[in-house]
């Protein structure tokens, strides 16, 4: 068993418009990523290559899926995305920290590395 103290592992990108992600637990069938965005930073729009669960740990973000109206999500929110959905994220009003848990085949997860 691996054990992670999530809120003690946060790393932000400074001086850039995009947030930062750290792969916490890559395996053959899943990947866990910890994202950290300062207020105003974004994760650029990209396609979800495997089913994904997003758990917001701190702050408030706007999650736009398939170009529709942005959904505000704060601490303790769970968002569930399906394969093929397009997502964009923006930290809104404060720093944003969230966990993304992806599951799928090794090939699907390797494609996900392109956006981290």
PDB file of N, CA and C in Angstrom:
ATOM      1  N   UNK A   1       0.849  -1.179   0.000  1.00  0.00           N
ATOM      2  CA  UNK A   1       0.000   0.000   0.000  1.00  0.00           C
ATOM      3  C   UNK A   1       0.890   1.236   0.000  1.00  0.00           C
ATOM      4  N   UNK A   2       0.520   2.213  -0.824  1.00  0.00           N
ATOM      5  CA  UNK A   2       1.190   3.509  -0.805  1.00  0.00           C
ATOM      6  C   UNK A   2       0.308   4.492  -0.049  1.00  0.00           C
ATOM      7  N   UNK A   3       0.945   5.443   0.625  1.00  0.00           N
ATOM      8  CA  UNK A   3       0.232   6.425   1.435  1.00  0.00           C
ATOM      9  C   UNK A   3       0.718   7.813   1.047  1.00  0.00           C
ATOM     10  N   UNK A   4      -0.206   8.730   0.751  1.00  0.00           N
ATOM     11  CA  UNK A   4       0.144  10.092   0.329  1.00  0.00           C
ATOM     12  C   UNK A   4      -0.560  11.095   1.226  1.00  0.00           C
ATOM     13  N   UNK A   5       0.173  12.090   1.688  1.00  0.00           N
ATOM     14  CA  UNK A   5      -0.404  13.198   2.440  1.00  0.00           C
ATOM     15  C   UNK A   5      -0.617  14.328   1.425  1.00  0.00           C
ATOM     16  N   UNK A   6      -1.792  14.335   0.815  1.00  0.00           N
ATOM     17  CA  UNK A   6      -2.060  15.130  -0.378  1.00  0.00           C
ATOM     18  C   UNK A   6      -1.807  16.619  -0.207  1.00  0.00           C
ATOM     19  N   UNK A   7      -2.293  17.204   0.851  1.00  0.00           N
ATOM     20  CA  UNK A   7      -2.161  18.648   1.012  1.00  0.00           C
ATOM     21  C   UNK A   7      -0.754  19.074   1.413  1.00  0.00           C
ATOM     22  N   UNK A   8       0.113  18.104   1.700  1.00  0.00           N
ATOM     23  CA  UNK A   8       1.518  18.411   1.990  1.00  0.00           C
ATOM     24  C   UNK A   8       2.397  18.197   0.760  1.00  0.00           C
ATOM     25  N   UNK A   9       1.807  17.740  -0.339  1.00  0.00           N
ATOM     26  CA  UNK A   9       2.547  17.391  -1.551  1.00  0.00           C
ATOM     27  C   UNK A   9       2.326  18.418  -2.666  1.00  0.00           C
ATOM     28  N   UNK A  10       1.637  19.503  -2.378  1.00  0.00           N
ATOM     29  CA  UNK A  10       1.225  20.467  -3.399  1.00  0.00           C
ATOM     30  C   UNK A  10       2.415  21.233  -3.956  1.00  0.00           C
ATOM     31  N   UNK A  11       2.483  21.319  -5.295  1.00  0.00           N
ATOM     32  CA  UNK A  11       3.481  22.127  -5.993  1.00  0.00           C
ATOM     33  C   UNK A  11       2.752  23.003  -7.003  1.00  0.00           C
ATOM     34  N   UNK A  12       2.991  24.318  -6.960  1.00  0.00           N
ATOM     35  CA  UNK A  12       2.386  25.249  -7.909  1.00  0.00           C
ATOM     36  C   UNK A  12       3.411  25.642  -8.963  1.00  0.00           C
ATOM     37  N   UNK A  13       2.932  26.004 -10.158  1.00  0.00           N
ATOM     38  CA  UNK A  13       3.777  26.601 -11.192  1.00  0.00           C
ATOM     39  C   UNK A  13       3.731  28.109 -10.991  1.00  0.00           C
ATOM     40  N   UNK A  14       4.877  28.724 -10.907  1.00  0.00           N
ATOM     41  CA  UNK A  14       4.953  30.175 -10.707  1.00  0.00           C
ATOM     42  C   UNK A  14       5.245  30.865 -12.033  1.00  0.00           C
ATOM     43  N   UNK A  15       4.631  32.027 -12.258  1.00  0.00           N
ATOM     44  CA  UNK A  15       4.935  32.831 -13.424  1.00  0.00           C
ATOM     45  C   UNK A  15       4.448  32.262 -14.739  1.00  0.00           C
ATOM     46  N   UNK A  16       3.435  31.421 -14.712  1.00  0.00           N
ATOM     47  CA  UNK A  16       2.877  30.840 -15.934  1.00  0.00           C
ATOM     48  C   UNK A  16       1.360  30.876 -15.845  1.00  0.00           C
ATOM     49  N   UNK A  17       0.711  30.798 -16.973  1.00  0.00           N
ATOM     50  CA  UNK A  17      -0.751  30.837 -16.980  1.00  0.00           C
ATOM     51  C   UNK A  17      -1.384  29.471 -16.736  1.00  0.00           C
ATOM     52  N   UNK A  18      -0.566  28.417 -16.749  1.00  0.00           N
ATOM     53  CA  UNK A  18      -1.102  27.065 -16.590  1.00  0.00           C
ATOM     54  C   UNK A  18      -0.748  26.479 -15.226  1.00  0.00           C
ATOM     55  N   UNK A  19      -1.627  25.618 -14.735  1.00  0.00           N
ATOM     56  CA  UNK A  19      -1.414  24.956 -13.458  1.00  0.00           C
ATOM     57  C   UNK A  19      -0.362  23.864 -13.546  1.00  0.00           C
ATOM     58  N   UNK A  20      -0.162  23.204 -12.417  1.00  0.00           N
ATOM     59  CA  UNK A  20       0.885  22.188 -12.292  1.00  0.00           C
ATOM     60  C   UNK A  20       0.243  20.867 -11.881  1.00  0.00           C
ATOM     61  N   UNK A  21       0.763  19.762 -12.406  1.00  0.00           N
ATOM     62  CA  UNK A  21       0.271  18.438 -12.027  1.00  0.00           C
ATOM     63  C   UNK A  21       1.438  17.534 -11.675  1.00  0.00           C
ATOM     64  N   UNK A  22       1.222  16.707 -10.664  1.00  0.00           N
ATOM     65  CA  UNK A  22       2.209  15.716 -10.250  1.00  0.00           C
ATOM     66  C   UNK A  22       1.533  14.350 -10.304  1.00  0.00           C
ATOM     67  N   UNK A  23       2.168  13.404 -10.982  1.00  0.00           N
ATOM     68  CA  UNK A  23       1.660  12.030 -11.014  1.00  0.00           C
ATOM     69  C   UNK A  23       2.022  11.359  -9.694  1.00  0.00           C
ATOM     70  N   UNK A  24       1.014  11.024  -8.902  1.00  0.00           N
ATOM     71  CA  UNK A  24       1.257  10.420  -7.594  1.00  0.00           C
ATOM     72  C   UNK A  24       1.377   8.908  -7.673  1.00  0.00           C
ATOM     73  N   UNK A  25       0.525   8.291  -8.461  1.00  0.00           N
ATOM     74  CA  UNK A  25       0.497   6.831  -8.446  1.00  0.00           C
ATOM     75  C   UNK A  25       0.157   6.286  -9.830  1.00  0.00           C
ATOM     76  N   UNK A  26       1.137   6.222 -10.723  1.00  0.00           N
ATOM     77  CA  UNK A  26       0.861   5.612 -12.026  1.00  0.00           C
ATOM     78  C   UNK A  26       0.938   4.089 -11.923  1.00  0.00           C
ATOM     79  N   UNK A  27       0.019   3.422 -12.586  1.00  0.00           N
ATOM     80  CA  UNK A  27       0.062   1.963 -12.666  1.00  0.00           C
ATOM     81  C   UNK A  27      -0.448   1.557 -14.040  1.00  0.00           C
ATOM     82  N   UNK A  28      -0.513   0.270 -14.301  1.00  0.00           N
ATOM     83  CA  UNK A  28      -0.956  -0.214 -15.603  1.00  0.00           C
ATOM     84  C   UNK A  28      -2.439   0.040 -15.852  1.00  0.00           C
ATOM     85  N   UNK A  29      -3.245   0.171 -14.797  1.00  0.00           N
ATOM     86  CA  UNK A  29      -4.691   0.309 -14.980  1.00  0.00           C
ATOM     87  C   UNK A  29      -5.279   1.608 -14.455  1.00  0.00           C
ATOM     88  N   UNK A  30      -4.459   2.459 -13.813  1.00  0.00           N
ATOM     89  CA  UNK A  30      -4.977   3.729 -13.297  1.00  0.00           C
ATOM     90  C   UNK A  30      -3.836   4.725 -13.124  1.00  0.00           C
ATOM     91  N   UNK A  31      -4.225   5.969 -12.964  1.00  0.00           N
ATOM     92  CA  UNK A  31      -3.248   7.027 -12.716  1.00  0.00           C
ATOM     93  C   UNK A  31      -3.902   8.048 -11.808  1.00  0.00           C
ATOM     94  N   UNK A  32      -3.164   8.512 -10.803  1.00  0.00           N
ATOM     95  CA  UNK A  32      -3.659   9.527  -9.889  1.00  0.00           C
ATOM     96  C   UNK A  32      -2.774  10.750 -10.019  1.00  0.00           C
ATOM     97  N   UNK A  33      -3.398  11.890 -10.316  1.00  0.00           N
ATOM     98  CA  UNK A  33      -2.674  13.141 -10.523  1.00  0.00           C
ATOM     99  C   UNK A  33      -3.154  14.179  -9.519  1.00  0.00           C
ATOM    100  N   UNK A  34      -2.220  14.948  -8.955  1.00  0.00           N
ATOM    101  CA  UNK A  34      -2.546  16.044  -8.053  1.00  0.00           C
ATOM    102  C   UNK A  34      -2.278  17.346  -8.794  1.00  0.00           C
ATOM    103  N   UNK A  35      -3.336  18.132  -9.012  1.00  0.00           N
ATOM    104  CA  UNK A  35      -3.243  19.403  -9.724  1.00  0.00           C
ATOM    105  C   UNK A  35      -3.268  20.557  -8.740  1.00  0.00           C
ATOM    106  N   UNK A  36      -2.472  21.595  -9.032  1.00  0.00           N
ATOM    107  CA  UNK A  36      -2.443  22.806  -8.213  1.00  0.00           C
ATOM    108  C   UNK A  36      -2.406  24.015  -9.141  1.00  0.00           C
ATOM    109  N   UNK A  37      -3.370  24.913  -8.982  1.00  0.00           N
ATOM    110  CA  UNK A  37      -3.465  26.110  -9.806  1.00  0.00           C
ATOM    111  C   UNK A  37      -3.600  27.324  -8.902  1.00  0.00           C
ATOM    112  N   UNK A  38      -2.808  28.357  -9.174  1.00  0.00           N
ATOM    113  CA  UNK A  38      -3.018  29.637  -8.510  1.00  0.00           C
ATOM    114  C   UNK A  38      -4.251  30.291  -9.125  1.00  0.00           C
ATOM    115  N   UNK A  39      -4.856  31.218  -8.406  1.00  0.00           N
ATOM    116  CA  UNK A  39      -6.016  31.941  -8.920  1.00  0.00           C
ATOM    117  C   UNK A  39      -5.724  32.476 -10.322  1.00  0.00           C
ATOM    118  N   UNK A  40      -6.629  32.205 -11.261  1.00  0.00           N
ATOM    119  CA  UNK A  40      -6.483  32.667 -12.630  1.00  0.00           C
ATOM    120  C   UNK A  40      -5.759  31.699 -13.553  1.00  0.00           C
ATOM    121  N   UNK A  41      -5.026  30.737 -13.001  1.00  0.00           N
ATOM    122  CA  UNK A  41      -4.348  29.764 -13.854  1.00  0.00           C
ATOM    123  C   UNK A  41      -5.355  28.769 -14.429  1.00  0.00           C
ATOM    124  N   UNK A  42      -4.967  28.117 -15.533  1.00  0.00           N
ATOM    125  CA  UNK A  42      -5.866  27.189 -16.216  1.00  0.00           C
ATOM    126  C   UNK A  42      -5.178  25.870 -16.530  1.00  0.00           C
ATOM    127  N   UNK A  43      -5.994  24.890 -16.829  1.00  0.00           N
ATOM    128  CA  UNK A  43      -5.576  23.663 -17.504  1.00  0.00           C
ATOM    129  C   UNK A  43      -6.230  23.783 -18.876  1.00  0.00           C
ATOM    130  N   UNK A  44      -5.422  23.795 -19.936  1.00  0.00           N
ATOM    131  CA  UNK A  44      -5.969  24.037 -21.270  1.00  0.00           C
ATOM    132  C   UNK A  44      -6.959  22.947 -21.674  1.00  0.00           C
ATOM    133  N   UNK A  45      -7.848  23.302 -22.564  1.00  0.00           N
ATOM    134  CA  UNK A  45      -8.885  22.399 -23.055  1.00  0.00           C
ATOM    135  C   UNK A  45      -8.231  21.190 -23.731  1.00  0.00           C
ATOM    136  N   UNK A  46      -8.669  20.011 -23.313  1.00  0.00           N
ATOM    137  CA  UNK A  46      -8.144  18.782 -23.890  1.00  0.00           C
ATOM    138  C   UNK A  46      -9.174  17.659 -23.754  1.00  0.00           C
ATOM    139  N   UNK A  47      -8.955  16.595 -24.492  1.00  0.00           N
ATOM    140  CA  UNK A  47      -9.855  15.447 -24.499  1.00  0.00           C
ATOM    141  C   UNK A  47      -9.479  14.479 -23.381  1.00  0.00           C
ATOM    142  N   UNK A  48     -10.484  13.981 -22.694  1.00  0.00           N
ATOM    143  CA  UNK A  48     -10.276  12.970 -21.659  1.00  0.00           C
ATOM    144  C   UNK A  48     -10.150  11.612 -22.352  1.00  0.00           C
ATOM    145  N   UNK A  49      -8.981  10.979 -22.229  1.00  0.00           N
ATOM    146  CA  UNK A  49      -8.710   9.727 -22.935  1.00  0.00           C
ATOM    147  C   UNK A  49      -9.049   8.483 -22.123  1.00  0.00           C
ATOM    148  N   UNK A  50      -9.564   8.688 -20.927  1.00  0.00           N
ATOM    149  CA  UNK A  50     -10.039   7.578 -20.107  1.00  0.00           C
ATOM    150  C   UNK A  50     -11.060   8.142 -19.134  1.00  0.00           C
ATOM    151  N   UNK A  51     -11.945   7.310 -18.593  1.00  0.00           N
ATOM    152  CA  UNK A  51     -12.870   7.816 -17.577  1.00  0.00           C
ATOM    153  C   UNK A  51     -12.084   8.462 -16.433  1.00  0.00           C
ATOM    154  N   UNK A  52     -12.621   9.556 -15.867  1.00  0.00           N
ATOM    155  CA  UNK A  52     -11.891  10.301 -14.847  1.00  0.00           C
ATOM    156  C   UNK A  52     -12.825  10.784 -13.743  1.00  0.00           C
ATOM    157  N   UNK A  53     -12.343  10.684 -12.507  1.00  0.00           N
ATOM    158  CA  UNK A  53     -13.009  11.280 -11.357  1.00  0.00           C
ATOM    159  C   UNK A  53     -12.130  12.419 -10.859  1.00  0.00           C
ATOM    160  N   UNK A  54     -12.746  13.569 -10.616  1.00  0.00           N
ATOM    161  CA  UNK A  54     -12.036  14.729 -10.078  1.00  0.00           C
ATOM    162  C   UNK A  54     -12.607  15.032  -8.710  1.00  0.00           C
ATOM    163  N   UNK A  55     -11.725  15.147  -7.711  1.00  0.00           N
ATOM    164  CA  UNK A  55     -12.126  15.482  -6.348  1.00  0.00           C
ATOM    165  C   UNK A  55     -11.433  16.786  -5.977  1.00  0.00           C
ATOM    166  N   UNK A  56     -12.218  17.826  -5.696  1.00  0.00           N
ATOM    167  CA  UNK A  56     -11.652  19.121  -5.325  1.00  0.00           C
ATOM    168  C   UNK A  56     -11.299  19.069  -3.833  1.00  0.00           C
ATOM    169  N   UNK A  57     -10.020  19.348  -3.543  1.00  0.00           N
ATOM    170  CA  UNK A  57      -9.527  19.293  -2.166  1.00  0.00           C
ATOM    171  C   UNK A  57      -9.500  20.671  -1.507  1.00  0.00           C
ATOM    172  N   UNK A  58      -9.229  21.708  -2.319  1.00  0.00           N
ATOM    173  CA  UNK A  58      -9.097  23.058  -1.762  1.00  0.00           C
ATOM    174  C   UNK A  58      -9.437  24.080  -2.850  1.00  0.00           C
ATOM    175  N   UNK A  59     -10.104  25.155  -2.452  1.00  0.00           N
ATOM    176  CA  UNK A  59     -10.358  26.265  -3.358  1.00  0.00           C
ATOM    177  C   UNK A  59     -11.615  26.096  -4.194  1.00  0.00           C
ATOM    178  N   UNK A  60     -11.688  26.926  -5.251  1.00  0.00           N
ATOM    179  CA  UNK A  60     -12.846  26.936  -6.129  1.00  0.00           C
ATOM    180  C   UNK A  60     -12.369  26.992  -7.572  1.00  0.00           C
ATOM    181  N   UNK A  61     -12.965  26.166  -8.411  1.00  0.00           N
ATOM    182  CA  UNK A  61     -12.603  26.147  -9.820  1.00  0.00           C
ATOM    183  C   UNK A  61     -13.824  26.143 -10.704  1.00  0.00           C
ATOM    184  N   UNK A  62     -13.603  26.527 -11.961  1.00  0.00           N
ATOM    185  CA  UNK A  62     -14.631  26.417 -12.985  1.00  0.00           C
ATOM    186  C   UNK A  62     -14.213  25.296 -13.928  1.00  0.00           C
ATOM    187  N   UNK A  63     -15.066  24.312 -14.066  1.00  0.00           N
ATOM    188  CA  UNK A  63     -14.799  23.152 -14.898  1.00  0.00           C
ATOM    189  C   UNK A  63     -15.753  23.214 -16.084  1.00  0.00           C
ATOM    190  N   UNK A  64     -15.194  23.405 -17.280  1.00  0.00           N
ATOM    191  CA  UNK A  64     -15.995  23.480 -18.493  1.00  0.00           C
ATOM    192  C   UNK A  64     -15.826  22.171 -19.257  1.00  0.00           C
ATOM    193  N   UNK A  65     -16.939  21.505 -19.527  1.00  0.00           N
ATOM    194  CA  UNK A  65     -16.911  20.217 -20.219  1.00  0.00           C
ATOM    195  C   UNK A  65     -17.669  20.362 -21.532  1.00  0.00           C
ATOM    196  N   UNK A  66     -17.015  19.950 -22.610  1.00  0.00           N
ATOM    197  CA  UNK A  66     -17.600  19.985 -23.952  1.00  0.00           C
ATOM    198  C   UNK A  66     -18.099  21.378 -24.334  1.00  0.00           C
ATOM    199  N   UNK A  67     -17.412  22.429 -23.862  1.00  0.00           N
ATOM    200  CA  UNK A  67     -17.733  23.795 -24.252  1.00  0.00           C
ATOM    201  C   UNK A  67     -19.011  24.351 -23.660  1.00  0.00           C
ATOM    202  N   UNK A  68     -19.641  23.634 -22.751  1.00  0.00           N
ATOM    203  CA  UNK A  68     -20.883  24.106 -22.155  1.00  0.00           C
ATOM    204  C   UNK A  68     -20.577  25.072 -21.015  1.00  0.00           C
ATOM    205  N   UNK A  69     -21.597  25.552 -20.347  1.00  0.00           N
ATOM    206  CA  UNK A  69     -21.448  26.494 -19.249  1.00  0.00           C
ATOM    207  C   UNK A  69     -20.518  25.938 -18.181  1.00  0.00           C
ATOM    208  N   UNK A  70     -19.609  26.797 -17.706  1.00  0.00           N
ATOM    209  CA  UNK A  70     -18.665  26.382 -16.666  1.00  0.00           C
ATOM    210  C   UNK A  70     -19.414  26.003 -15.395  1.00  0.00           C
ATOM    211  N   UNK A  71     -18.998  24.904 -14.794  1.00  0.00           N
ATOM    212  CA  UNK A  71     -19.592  24.428 -13.546  1.00  0.00           C
ATOM    213  C   UNK A  71     -18.646  24.801 -12.409  1.00  0.00           C
ATOM    214  N   UNK A  72     -19.115  25.631 -11.444  1.00  0.00           N
ATOM    215  CA  UNK A  72     -18.258  25.919 -10.292  1.00  0.00           C
ATOM    216  C   UNK A  72     -18.218  24.720  -9.361  1.00  0.00           C
ATOM    217  N   UNK A  73     -17.024  24.389  -8.891  1.00  0.00           N
ATOM    218  CA  UNK A  73     -16.876  23.260  -7.971  1.00  0.00           C
ATOM    219  C   UNK A  73     -15.867  23.639  -6.904  1.00  0.00           C
ATOM    220  N   UNK A  74     -16.250  23.455  -5.646  1.00  0.00           N
ATOM    221  CA  UNK A  74     -15.390  23.780  -4.525  1.00  0.00           C
ATOM    222  C   UNK A  74     -15.032  22.551  -3.720  1.00  0.00           C
ATOM    223  N   UNK A  75     -14.447  22.810  -2.570  1.00  0.00           N
ATOM    224  CA  UNK A  75     -13.948  21.749  -1.701  1.00  0.00           C
ATOM    225  C   UNK A  75     -14.990  20.658  -1.489  1.00  0.00           C
ATOM    226  N   UNK A  76     -14.542  19.436  -1.569  1.00  0.00           N
ATOM    227  CA  UNK A  76     -15.303  18.199  -1.385  1.00  0.00           C
ATOM    228  C   UNK A  76     -16.262  17.910  -2.539  1.00  0.00           C
ATOM    229  N   UNK A  77     -16.092  18.598  -3.686  1.00  0.00           N
ATOM    230  CA  UNK A  77     -16.905  18.292  -4.867  1.00  0.00           C
ATOM    231  C   UNK A  77     -16.306  17.109  -5.622  1.00  0.00           C
ATOM    232  N   UNK A  78     -17.170  16.315  -6.231  1.00  0.00           N
ATOM    233  CA  UNK A  78     -16.767  15.203  -7.084  1.00  0.00           C
ATOM    234  C   UNK A  78     -17.345  15.441  -8.468  1.00  0.00           C
ATOM    235  N   UNK A  79     -16.489  15.382  -9.488  1.00  0.00           N
ATOM    236  CA  UNK A  79     -16.916  15.488 -10.883  1.00  0.00           C
ATOM    237  C   UNK A  79     -16.520  14.193 -11.574  1.00  0.00           C
ATOM    238  N   UNK A  80     -17.406  13.662 -12.398  1.00  0.00           N
ATOM    239  CA  UNK A  80     -17.151  12.405 -13.089  1.00  0.00           C
ATOM    240  C   UNK A  80     -17.219  12.670 -14.589  1.00  0.00           C
ATOM    241  N   UNK A  81     -16.132  12.368 -15.292  1.00  0.00           N
ATOM    242  CA  UNK A  81     -16.061  12.586 -16.735  1.00  0.00           C
ATOM    243  C   UNK A  81     -15.961  11.255 -17.456  1.00  0.00           C
ATOM    244  N   UNK A  82     -16.572  11.217 -18.630  1.00  0.00           N
ATOM    245  CA  UNK A  82     -16.545  10.021 -19.458  1.00  0.00           C
ATOM    246  C   UNK A  82     -15.469  10.139 -20.525  1.00  0.00           C
ATOM    247  N   UNK A  83     -15.087   9.030 -21.048  1.00  0.00           N
ATOM    248  CA  UNK A  83     -14.143   8.934 -22.151  1.00  0.00           C
ATOM    249  C   UNK A  83     -14.593   9.843 -23.292  1.00  0.00           C
ATOM    250  N   UNK A  84     -13.673  10.656 -23.817  1.00  0.00           N
ATOM    251  CA  UNK A  84     -13.954  11.492 -24.975  1.00  0.00           C
ATOM    252  C   UNK A  84     -14.475  12.878 -24.678  1.00  0.00           C
ATOM    253  N   UNK A  85     -14.811  13.183 -23.430  1.00  0.00           N
ATOM    254  CA  UNK A  85     -15.283  14.531 -23.115  1.00  0.00           C
ATOM    255  C   UNK A  85     -14.100  15.503 -23.164  1.00  0.00           C
ATOM    256  N   UNK A  86     -14.401  16.745 -23.548  1.00  0.00           N
ATOM    257  CA  UNK A  86     -13.399  17.811 -23.578  1.00  0.00           C
ATOM    258  C   UNK A  86     -13.529  18.616 -22.283  1.00  0.00           C
ATOM    259  N   UNK A  87     -12.394  18.857 -21.610  1.00  0.00           N
ATOM    260  CA  UNK A  87     -12.432  19.582 -20.342  1.00  0.00           C
ATOM    261  C   UNK A  87     -11.436  20.725 -20.350  1.00  0.00           C
ATOM    262  N   UNK A  88     -11.820  21.795 -19.670  1.00  0.00           N
ATOM    263  CA  UNK A  88     -10.948  22.934 -19.411  1.00  0.00           C
ATOM    264  C   UNK A  88     -11.208  23.353 -17.963  1.00  0.00           C
ATOM    265  N   UNK A  89     -10.147  23.768 -17.259  1.00  0.00           N
ATOM    266  CA  UNK A  89     -10.266  24.114 -15.842  1.00  0.00           C
ATOM    267  C   UNK A  89      -9.652  25.488 -15.610  1.00  0.00           C
ATOM    268  N   UNK A  90     -10.288  26.273 -14.736  1.00  0.00           N
ATOM    269  CA  UNK A  90      -9.753  27.582 -14.347  1.00  0.00           C
ATOM    270  C   UNK A  90      -9.942  27.766 -12.841  1.00  0.00           C
ATOM    271  N   UNK A  91      -8.867  28.164 -12.162  1.00  0.00           N
ATOM    272  CA  UNK A  91      -8.968  28.496 -10.735  1.00  0.00           C
ATOM    273  C   UNK A  91      -9.655  29.853 -10.640  1.00  0.00           C
ATOM    274  N   UNK A  92     -10.727  29.908  -9.892  1.00  0.00           N
ATOM    275  CA  UNK A  92     -11.559  31.107  -9.868  1.00  0.00           C
ATOM    276  C   UNK A  92     -11.756  31.599  -8.442  1.00  0.00           C
ATOM    277  N   UNK A  93     -11.161  32.719  -8.112  1.00  0.00           N
ATOM    278  CA  UNK A  93     -11.378  33.332  -6.809  1.00  0.00           C
ATOM    279  C   UNK A  93     -10.374  32.933  -5.747  1.00  0.00           C
ATOM    280  N   UNK A  94      -9.649  31.843  -5.966  1.00  0.00           N
ATOM    281  CA  UNK A  94      -8.639  31.401  -5.000  1.00  0.00           C
ATOM    282  C   UNK A  94      -7.772  30.339  -5.675  1.00  0.00           C
ATOM    283  N   UNK A  95      -6.738  29.902  -4.972  1.00  0.00           N
ATOM    284  CA  UNK A  95      -5.961  28.776  -5.470  1.00  0.00           C
ATOM    285  C   UNK A  95      -6.868  27.540  -5.509  1.00  0.00           C
ATOM    286  N   UNK A  96      -6.556  26.624  -6.417  1.00  0.00           N
ATOM    287  CA  UNK A  96      -7.362  25.423  -6.599  1.00  0.00           C
ATOM    288  C   UNK A  96      -6.459  24.206  -6.552  1.00  0.00           C
ATOM    289  N   UNK A  97      -6.846  23.222  -5.747  1.00  0.00           N
ATOM    290  CA  UNK A  97      -6.117  21.962  -5.672  1.00  0.00           C
ATOM    291  C   UNK A  97      -7.139  20.841  -5.846  1.00  0.00           C
ATOM    292  N   UNK A  98      -6.867  19.948  -6.812  1.00  0.00           N
ATOM    293  CA  UNK A  98      -7.775  18.832  -7.014  1.00  0.00           C
ATOM    294  C   UNK A  98      -7.014  17.580  -7.407  1.00  0.00           C
ATOM    295  N   UNK A  99      -7.658  16.462  -7.162  1.00  0.00           N
ATOM    296  CA  UNK A  99      -7.115  15.150  -7.464  1.00  0.00           C
ATOM    297  C   UNK A  99      -7.883  14.594  -8.663  1.00  0.00           C
ATOM    298  N   UNK A 100      -7.169  14.065  -9.643  1.00  0.00           N
ATOM    299  CA  UNK A 100      -7.806  13.413 -10.792  1.00  0.00           C
ATOM    300  C   UNK A 100      -7.393  11.948 -10.777  1.00  0.00           C
ATOM    301  N   UNK A 101      -8.377  11.077 -10.781  1.00  0.00           N
ATOM    302  CA  UNK A 101      -8.132   9.641 -10.802  1.00  0.00           C
ATOM    303  C   UNK A 101      -8.637   9.122 -12.145  1.00  0.00           C
ATOM    304  N   UNK A 102      -7.709   8.600 -12.945  1.00  0.00           N
ATOM    305  CA  UNK A 102      -8.026   8.094 -14.278  1.00  0.00           C
ATOM    306  C   UNK A 102      -7.920   6.585 -14.258  1.00  0.00           C
ATOM    307  N   UNK A 103      -8.801   5.940 -15.002  1.00  0.00           N
ATOM    308  CA  UNK A 103      -8.711   4.494 -15.112  1.00  0.00           C
ATOM    309  C   UNK A 103      -8.890   4.114 -16.569  1.00  0.00           C
ATOM    310  N   UNK A 104      -8.197   3.089 -16.958  1.00  0.00           N
ATOM    311  CA  UNK A 104      -8.296   2.653 -18.343  1.00  0.00           C
ATOM    312  C   UNK A 104      -7.108   1.789 -18.719  1.00  0.00           C
ATOM    313  N   UNK A 105      -6.947   1.594 -20.017  1.00  0.00           N
ATOM    314  CA  UNK A 105      -5.845   0.779 -20.500  1.00  0.00           C
ATOM    315  C   UNK A 105      -4.544   1.563 -20.441  1.00  0.00           C
ATOM    316  N   UNK A 106      -3.450   0.864 -20.518  1.00  0.00           N
ATOM    317  CA  UNK A 106      -2.134   1.499 -20.502  1.00  0.00           C
ATOM    318  C   UNK A 106      -2.013   2.525 -21.632  1.00  0.00           C
ATOM    319  N   UNK A 107      -2.535   2.196 -22.818  1.00  0.00           N
ATOM    320  CA  UNK A 107      -2.453   3.098 -23.967  1.00  0.00           C
ATOM    321  C   UNK A 107      -3.250   4.371 -23.720  1.00  0.00           C
ATOM    322  N   UNK A 108      -4.440   4.261 -23.135  1.00  0.00           N
ATOM    323  CA  UNK A 108      -5.237   5.449 -22.824  1.00  0.00           C
ATOM    324  C   UNK A 108      -4.507   6.336 -21.822  1.00  0.00           C
ATOM    325  N   UNK A 109      -3.915   5.733 -20.814  1.00  0.00           N
ATOM    326  CA  UNK A 109      -3.244   6.507 -19.773  1.00  0.00           C
ATOM    327  C   UNK A 109      -1.970   7.152 -20.286  1.00  0.00           C
ATOM    328  N   UNK A 110      -1.265   6.500 -21.195  1.00  0.00           N
ATOM    329  CA  UNK A 110      -0.052   7.104 -21.785  1.00  0.00           C
ATOM    330  C   UNK A 110      -0.410   8.363 -22.541  1.00  0.00           C
ATOM    331  N   UNK A 111      -1.529   8.381 -23.228  1.00  0.00           N
ATOM    332  CA  UNK A 111      -1.987   9.567 -23.953  1.00  0.00           C
ATOM    333  C   UNK A 111      -2.247  10.713 -22.987  1.00  0.00           C
ATOM    334  N   UNK A 112      -2.707  10.402 -21.779  1.00  0.00           N
ATOM    335  CA  UNK A 112      -2.999  11.413 -20.772  1.00  0.00           C
ATOM    336  C   UNK A 112      -1.738  12.180 -20.383  1.00  0.00           C
ATOM    337  N   UNK A 113      -0.570  11.562 -20.442  1.00  0.00           N
ATOM    338  CA  UNK A 113       0.668  12.242 -20.083  1.00  0.00           C
ATOM    339  C   UNK A 113       0.929  13.472 -20.921  1.00  0.00           C
ATOM    340  N   UNK A 114       0.363  13.562 -22.118  1.00  0.00           N
ATOM    341  CA  UNK A 114       0.585  14.700 -22.987  1.00  0.00           C
ATOM    342  C   UNK A 114       0.052  15.996 -22.403  1.00  0.00           C
ATOM    343  N   UNK A 115      -0.871  15.928 -21.459  1.00  0.00           N
ATOM    344  CA  UNK A 115      -1.518  17.124 -20.914  1.00  0.00           C
ATOM    345  C   UNK A 115      -1.013  17.495 -19.521  1.00  0.00           C
ATOM    346  N   UNK A 116      -0.072  16.758 -19.013  1.00  0.00           N
ATOM    347  CA  UNK A 116       0.418  17.003 -17.647  1.00  0.00           C
ATOM    348  C   UNK A 116       1.740  17.728 -17.718  1.00  0.00           C
TER     349      UNK A 116
END
